[in-house]
Amino acid sequence: MDVTLRVDWILCDGYGLCGDLLPDLIDLDEWRYPILSPEPVERGRLSDAQRAIDCCPMKALKLESETVRRRPG
């Protein structure tokens, strides 16, 4: 099952810690807000992605499965 990193823009305050922890998957803009790839996270990188999620001070990151994104309604 494919999972993708997502950000809740209402919660995100642009600390940029996620990009510092996972620079190959998360770019930061000039204000340190994350720029996430729309590509699924590789299975071997899921624990790294989870670490970035766990360290987010605003809890604005999450992993979302393909089935959740395509669910109607």
N, C-alpha and C. Protein backbone atom coordinates (compact mmCIF):
# COMPACT_ATOMS: atom_id res chain seq x y z
N MET A 1 0.85 -1.18 0.00
CA MET A 1 0.00 0.00 0.00
C MET A 1 0.89 1.24 0.00
N ASP A 2 0.61 2.18 -0.88
CA ASP A 2 1.37 3.42 -0.97
C ASP A 2 0.91 4.41 0.08
N VAL A 3 1.88 5.07 0.71
CA VAL A 3 1.57 6.13 1.67
C VAL A 3 2.35 7.38 1.28
N THR A 4 1.74 8.52 1.52
CA THR A 4 2.31 9.80 1.14
C THR A 4 2.33 10.72 2.35
N LEU A 5 3.36 11.55 2.45
CA LEU A 5 3.41 12.55 3.50
C LEU A 5 2.44 13.68 3.16
N ARG A 6 1.71 14.12 4.15
CA ARG A 6 0.77 15.24 3.99
C ARG A 6 0.98 16.22 5.13
N VAL A 7 0.67 17.48 4.87
CA VAL A 7 0.77 18.52 5.90
C VAL A 7 -0.60 19.15 6.11
N ASP A 8 -0.93 19.40 7.35
CA ASP A 8 -2.14 20.13 7.70
C ASP A 8 -1.73 21.61 7.77
N TRP A 9 -2.11 22.37 6.77
CA TRP A 9 -1.65 23.76 6.66
C TRP A 9 -2.22 24.65 7.76
N ILE A 10 -3.29 24.26 8.37
CA ILE A 10 -3.83 25.04 9.48
C ILE A 10 -2.94 24.89 10.72
N LEU A 11 -2.40 23.70 10.92
CA LEU A 11 -1.55 23.46 12.09
C LEU A 11 -0.10 23.90 11.88
N CYS A 12 0.39 23.85 10.66
CA CYS A 12 1.80 24.11 10.38
C CYS A 12 2.16 25.57 10.66
N ASP A 13 3.23 25.77 11.46
CA ASP A 13 3.72 27.12 11.76
C ASP A 13 5.07 27.41 11.13
N GLY A 14 5.56 26.51 10.27
CA GLY A 14 6.79 26.77 9.54
C GLY A 14 8.06 26.68 10.36
N TYR A 15 8.08 25.81 11.36
CA TYR A 15 9.31 25.62 12.13
C TYR A 15 10.43 25.04 11.26
N GLY A 16 10.07 24.19 10.30
CA GLY A 16 11.05 23.62 9.38
C GLY A 16 11.81 22.43 9.91
N LEU A 17 11.47 21.95 11.09
CA LEU A 17 12.17 20.80 11.65
C LEU A 17 12.02 19.57 10.77
N CYS A 18 10.87 19.41 10.14
CA CYS A 18 10.64 18.26 9.27
C CYS A 18 11.65 18.23 8.12
N GLY A 19 11.91 19.38 7.52
CA GLY A 19 12.87 19.46 6.44
C GLY A 19 14.30 19.25 6.91
N ASP A 20 14.58 19.65 8.15
CA ASP A 20 15.90 19.42 8.71
C ASP A 20 16.13 17.93 8.96
N LEU A 21 15.08 17.23 9.38
CA LEU A 21 15.18 15.80 9.69
C LEU A 21 15.11 14.92 8.44
N LEU A 22 14.45 15.39 7.41
CA LEU A 22 14.18 14.57 6.22
C LEU A 22 14.40 15.40 4.94
N PRO A 23 15.62 15.93 4.78
CA PRO A 23 15.85 16.87 3.68
C PRO A 23 15.71 16.26 2.28
N ASP A 24 15.86 14.95 2.16
CA ASP A 24 15.72 14.35 0.83
C ASP A 24 14.26 14.11 0.45
N LEU A 25 13.34 14.21 1.41
CA LEU A 25 11.92 14.03 1.12
C LEU A 25 11.11 15.32 1.30
N ILE A 26 11.64 16.26 2.09
CA ILE A 26 10.90 17.49 2.38
C ILE A 26 11.81 18.69 2.12
N ASP A 27 11.45 19.48 1.12
CA ASP A 27 12.13 20.75 0.90
C ASP A 27 11.46 21.80 1.76
N LEU A 28 12.17 22.88 2.03
CA LEU A 28 11.60 24.00 2.77
C LEU A 28 11.61 25.23 1.90
N ASP A 29 10.52 26.02 1.97
CA ASP A 29 10.51 27.27 1.22
C ASP A 29 11.28 28.33 2.01
N GLU A 30 11.29 29.54 1.51
CA GLU A 30 12.08 30.60 2.16
C GLU A 30 11.59 30.97 3.56
N TRP A 31 10.36 30.59 3.89
CA TRP A 31 9.81 30.84 5.23
C TRP A 31 9.84 29.59 6.10
N ARG A 32 10.50 28.53 5.59
CA ARG A 32 10.68 27.24 6.28
C ARG A 32 9.40 26.41 6.36
N TYR A 33 8.46 26.68 5.46
CA TYR A 33 7.29 25.81 5.34
C TYR A 33 7.65 24.64 4.43
N PRO A 34 7.09 23.46 4.70
CA PRO A 34 7.46 22.27 3.92
C PRO A 34 6.89 22.26 2.51
N ILE A 35 7.69 21.74 1.62
CA ILE A 35 7.27 21.46 0.25
C ILE A 35 7.39 19.95 0.10
N LEU A 36 6.26 19.28 0.04
CA LEU A 36 6.24 17.82 0.05
C LEU A 36 6.09 17.26 -1.36
N SER A 37 6.75 16.17 -1.59
CA SER A 37 6.62 15.47 -2.86
C SER A 37 5.27 14.76 -2.91
N PRO A 38 4.62 14.76 -4.06
CA PRO A 38 3.36 14.01 -4.18
C PRO A 38 3.60 12.51 -4.33
N GLU A 39 4.85 12.11 -4.49
CA GLU A 39 5.19 10.70 -4.65
C GLU A 39 5.06 9.95 -3.33
N PRO A 40 4.71 8.68 -3.38
CA PRO A 40 4.65 7.87 -2.16
C PRO A 40 6.03 7.75 -1.51
N VAL A 41 6.02 7.63 -0.21
CA VAL A 41 7.25 7.42 0.55
C VAL A 41 7.69 5.98 0.35
N GLU A 42 8.96 5.78 0.04
CA GLU A 42 9.48 4.44 -0.14
C GLU A 42 9.37 3.66 1.17
N ARG A 43 9.09 2.39 1.05
CA ARG A 43 8.90 1.55 2.23
C ARG A 43 10.09 1.63 3.20
N GLY A 44 11.29 1.68 2.66
CA GLY A 44 12.49 1.75 3.49
C GLY A 44 12.68 3.08 4.20
N ARG A 45 11.91 4.09 3.82
CA ARG A 45 12.02 5.42 4.43
C ARG A 45 10.86 5.74 5.38
N LEU A 46 9.95 4.79 5.56
CA LEU A 46 8.78 5.06 6.41
C LEU A 46 9.16 5.39 7.85
N SER A 47 10.15 4.71 8.40
CA SER A 47 10.54 5.01 9.79
C SER A 47 11.15 6.40 9.89
N ASP A 48 11.90 6.83 8.86
CA ASP A 48 12.44 8.19 8.86
C ASP A 48 11.31 9.22 8.76
N ALA A 49 10.34 8.94 7.91
CA ALA A 49 9.20 9.83 7.78
C ALA A 49 8.42 9.89 9.09
N GLN A 50 8.26 8.77 9.76
CA GLN A 50 7.54 8.75 11.03
C GLN A 50 8.28 9.54 12.10
N ARG A 51 9.60 9.51 12.06
CA ARG A 51 10.39 10.30 13.01
C ARG A 51 10.13 11.79 12.81
N ALA A 52 10.10 12.23 11.55
CA ALA A 52 9.81 13.64 11.27
C ALA A 52 8.41 14.01 11.75
N ILE A 53 7.47 13.11 11.54
CA ILE A 53 6.09 13.34 12.01
C ILE A 53 6.05 13.46 13.52
N ASP A 54 6.72 12.56 14.20
CA ASP A 54 6.73 12.56 15.67
C ASP A 54 7.42 13.79 16.24
N CYS A 55 8.40 14.34 15.54
CA CYS A 55 9.16 15.49 16.03
C CYS A 55 8.52 16.83 15.67
N CYS A 56 7.51 16.83 14.84
CA CYS A 56 6.86 18.08 14.45
C CYS A 56 6.23 18.73 15.69
N PRO A 57 6.66 19.95 16.04
CA PRO A 57 6.11 20.57 17.26
C PRO A 57 4.62 20.89 17.17
N MET A 58 4.10 21.06 15.97
CA MET A 58 2.69 21.39 15.80
C MET A 58 1.84 20.18 15.41
N LYS A 59 2.50 19.01 15.25
CA LYS A 59 1.80 17.77 14.84
C LYS A 59 1.03 17.99 13.53
N ALA A 60 1.70 18.67 12.59
CA ALA A 60 1.05 19.04 11.33
C ALA A 60 1.31 18.04 10.21
N LEU A 61 2.20 17.08 10.42
CA LEU A 61 2.50 16.09 9.38
C LEU A 61 1.81 14.78 9.67
N LYS A 62 1.50 14.06 8.60
CA LYS A 62 0.94 12.72 8.75
C LYS A 62 1.25 11.90 7.50
N LEU A 63 1.19 10.60 7.65
CA LEU A 63 1.27 9.69 6.52
C LEU A 63 -0.15 9.32 6.15
N GLU A 64 -0.45 9.40 4.87
CA GLU A 64 -1.80 9.10 4.41
C GLU A 64 -1.74 8.02 3.35
N SER A 65 -2.57 7.00 3.50
CA SER A 65 -2.57 5.91 2.53
C SER A 65 -3.36 6.30 1.28
N GLU A 66 -3.06 5.64 0.21
CA GLU A 66 -3.75 5.87 -1.07
C GLU A 66 -5.26 5.68 -0.93
N THR A 67 -5.68 4.70 -0.15
CA THR A 67 -7.10 4.43 -0.01
C THR A 67 -7.83 5.56 0.71
N VAL A 68 -7.15 6.22 1.65
CA VAL A 68 -7.77 7.34 2.37
C VAL A 68 -7.96 8.52 1.43
N ARG A 69 -6.97 8.80 0.59
CA ARG A 69 -7.05 9.94 -0.31
C ARG A 69 -8.11 9.77 -1.37
N ARG A 70 -8.42 8.55 -1.75
CA ARG A 70 -9.39 8.31 -2.83
C ARG A 70 -10.79 8.03 -2.33
N ARG A 71 -10.97 8.01 -1.02
CA ARG A 71 -12.29 7.72 -0.46
C ARG A 71 -13.26 8.84 -0.81
N PRO A 72 -14.44 8.50 -1.32
CA PRO A 72 -15.41 9.55 -1.68
C PRO A 72 -15.96 10.26 -0.44
N GLY A 73 -16.33 11.51 -0.64
CA GLY A 73 -16.98 12.27 0.41
C GLY A 73 -16.04 12.95 1.24
